[in-house]
Amino acid sequence: MFRVKPGQELLESVSRFCIESGITSGIIIGIIGSLEKARLNFLKALPGQYRGVDYIGPLEIVSAQGSVALKDNATIVHIHIQLSTENVCCGGHLASAIVFSTAEVTVGELDYQLVREMDNYTGLNELVD
């Protein structure tokens, strides 16, 4: 478990923590905190056609989970997140986010290696069985 501080980029910080800690296979168990702004991606069509939507905060991180895997020896962090304002909740694939006050991240390391490969049908880096 670790903290991402104000002004830091969330996805980049989680990736850096995993790389520096030697975690190449894991589960993002949860993230709580707040964000200044975020960009969420929504899969609209296959293969791999996303639409990005920007949200301006402050935003509360209601929930987040994901995975840590290797693709071609590179660490890939994949996170889905739910955010809220006073009036609305939204969720999607985390593309980027700047932390507002804090983000508390919990990562569980696995004892087997998760691997991602490009899937021709989806056009996405999917987990390999």
Protein backbone atom coordinates (compact mmCIF):
# COMPACT_ATOMS: atom_id res chain seq x y z
CA MET A 1 0.00 0.00 0.00
CA PHE A 2 1.28 3.47 -0.83
CA ARG A 3 0.17 7.09 -1.20
CA VAL A 4 0.17 9.25 -4.33
CA LYS A 5 0.57 12.91 -3.38
CA PRO A 6 -1.18 16.07 -4.64
CA GLY A 7 -0.34 17.08 -8.20
CA GLN A 8 1.05 13.69 -9.18
CA GLU A 9 -0.28 11.69 -12.12
CA LEU A 10 -2.08 8.63 -10.73
CA LEU A 11 -1.59 5.99 -13.43
CA GLU A 12 2.06 6.94 -13.89
CA SER A 13 2.62 6.79 -10.11
CA VAL A 14 1.08 3.32 -9.82
CA SER A 15 3.21 2.09 -12.73
CA ARG A 16 6.37 3.60 -11.23
CA PHE A 17 5.65 2.04 -7.82
CA CYS A 18 5.18 -1.40 -9.37
CA ILE A 19 8.36 -1.13 -11.46
CA GLU A 20 10.46 0.16 -8.54
CA SER A 21 9.04 -2.55 -6.24
CA GLY A 22 9.64 -5.30 -8.80
CA ILE A 23 5.92 -6.10 -9.06
CA THR A 24 5.22 -7.45 -12.56
CA SER A 25 2.13 -9.48 -11.69
CA GLY A 26 -0.57 -8.24 -9.37
CA ILE A 27 -4.01 -6.95 -8.62
CA ILE A 28 -4.90 -3.33 -7.94
CA ILE A 29 -7.16 -4.12 -5.00
CA GLY A 30 -8.39 -0.59 -4.51
CA ILE A 31 -7.73 3.12 -4.76
CA ILE A 32 -9.43 5.83 -2.68
CA GLY A 33 -8.81 9.57 -2.59
CA SER A 34 -9.54 12.58 -4.76
CA LEU A 35 -8.55 13.96 -8.16
CA GLU A 36 -8.18 17.42 -9.73
CA LYS A 37 -9.09 16.02 -13.12
CA ALA A 38 -9.31 12.73 -14.96
CA ARG A 39 -9.60 11.32 -18.44
CA LEU A 40 -11.62 8.12 -18.79
CA ASN A 41 -11.77 6.01 -21.92
CA PHE A 42 -14.86 4.16 -23.10
CA LEU A 43 -14.67 1.30 -25.60
CA LYS A 44 -17.12 2.17 -28.39
CA ALA A 45 -16.34 -0.36 -31.12
CA LEU A 46 -13.99 -3.18 -31.98
CA PRO A 47 -11.19 -3.40 -32.73
CA GLY A 48 -9.99 -1.11 -29.93
CA GLN A 49 -11.88 2.10 -30.69
CA TYR A 50 -12.01 4.24 -27.55
CA ARG A 51 -13.56 7.61 -26.88
CA GLY A 52 -11.95 9.70 -24.15
CA VAL A 53 -13.96 11.93 -21.83
CA ASP A 54 -12.39 14.55 -19.56
CA TYR A 55 -13.74 15.25 -16.06
CA ILE A 56 -12.80 18.31 -14.02
CA GLY A 57 -12.84 18.09 -10.23
CA PRO A 58 -12.49 17.99 -7.50
CA LEU A 59 -13.59 14.37 -7.92
CA GLU A 60 -13.82 11.67 -5.26
CA ILE A 61 -12.41 8.24 -6.11
CA VAL A 62 -15.26 5.97 -5.08
CA SER A 63 -13.62 2.75 -6.23
CA ALA A 64 -10.85 1.47 -8.48
CA GLN A 65 -9.43 -1.91 -9.34
CA GLY A 66 -7.23 -3.44 -11.98
CA SER A 67 -4.25 -5.58 -12.82
CA VAL A 68 -0.49 -5.49 -13.28
CA ALA A 69 0.95 -7.69 -16.03
CA LEU A 70 3.82 -8.00 -18.48
CA LYS A 71 3.60 -7.38 -22.21
CA ASP A 72 6.85 -7.90 -24.11
CA ASN A 73 8.78 -7.48 -20.82
CA ALA A 74 7.10 -4.12 -20.11
CA THR A 75 4.94 -3.62 -17.01
CA ILE A 76 1.34 -2.80 -17.96
CA VAL A 77 -1.04 -1.35 -15.35
CA HIS A 78 -4.74 -1.53 -16.28
CA ILE A 79 -7.19 0.31 -14.00
CA HIS A 80 -10.94 0.88 -14.08
CA ILE A 81 -12.17 3.63 -11.77
CA GLN A 82 -15.42 5.12 -10.48
CA LEU A 83 -15.47 8.84 -9.68
CA SER A 84 -18.07 11.13 -8.16
CA THR A 85 -18.95 14.77 -7.71
CA GLU A 86 -21.72 15.99 -5.43
CA ASN A 87 -24.24 15.28 -8.18
CA VAL A 88 -23.03 12.44 -10.40
CA CYS A 89 -20.96 9.26 -10.56
CA CYS A 90 -19.03 8.11 -13.60
CA GLY A 91 -16.69 5.26 -14.29
CA GLY A 92 -14.49 3.86 -17.01
CA HIS A 93 -10.99 2.89 -18.11
CA LEU A 94 -8.45 5.21 -16.44
CA ALA A 95 -6.38 7.01 -19.09
CA SER A 96 -4.91 9.74 -16.87
CA ALA A 97 -5.63 11.62 -13.64
CA ILE A 98 -4.03 14.26 -11.44
CA VAL A 99 -4.34 13.72 -7.68
CA PHE A 100 -6.08 16.48 -5.71
CA SER A 101 -5.48 15.71 -2.01
CA THR A 102 -4.31 12.10 -1.91
CA ALA A 103 -4.72 8.68 -3.44
CA GLU A 104 -4.23 5.59 -1.31
CA VAL A 105 -3.37 2.62 -3.53
CA THR A 106 -3.43 -1.03 -2.46
CA VAL A 107 -1.63 -3.56 -4.67
CA GLY A 108 -1.60 -7.32 -4.12
CA GLU A 109 1.34 -9.15 -5.69
CA LEU A 110 0.59 -12.52 -7.32
CA ASP A 111 2.85 -15.56 -7.15
CA TYR A 112 2.33 -16.32 -10.85
CA GLN A 113 2.92 -14.11 -13.89
CA LEU A 114 0.04 -12.33 -15.64
CA VAL A 115 0.84 -11.74 -19.31
CA ARG A 116 -0.86 -9.53 -21.88
CA GLU A 117 -0.75 -9.90 -25.67
CA MET A 118 -2.40 -8.01 -28.51
CA ASP A 119 -5.68 -9.69 -29.42
CA ASN A 120 -6.48 -9.31 -33.12
CA TYR A 121 -10.25 -9.46 -32.58
CA THR A 122 -10.51 -6.85 -29.82
CA GLY A 123 -7.49 -4.80 -30.87
CA LEU A 124 -6.51 -4.61 -27.19
CA ASN A 125 -3.74 -5.96 -24.95
CA GLU A 126 -5.68 -8.84 -23.37
CA LEU A 127 -4.68 -11.24 -20.58
CA VAL A 128 -3.37 -14.56 -21.87
CA ASP A 129 -4.78 -17.75 -20.34
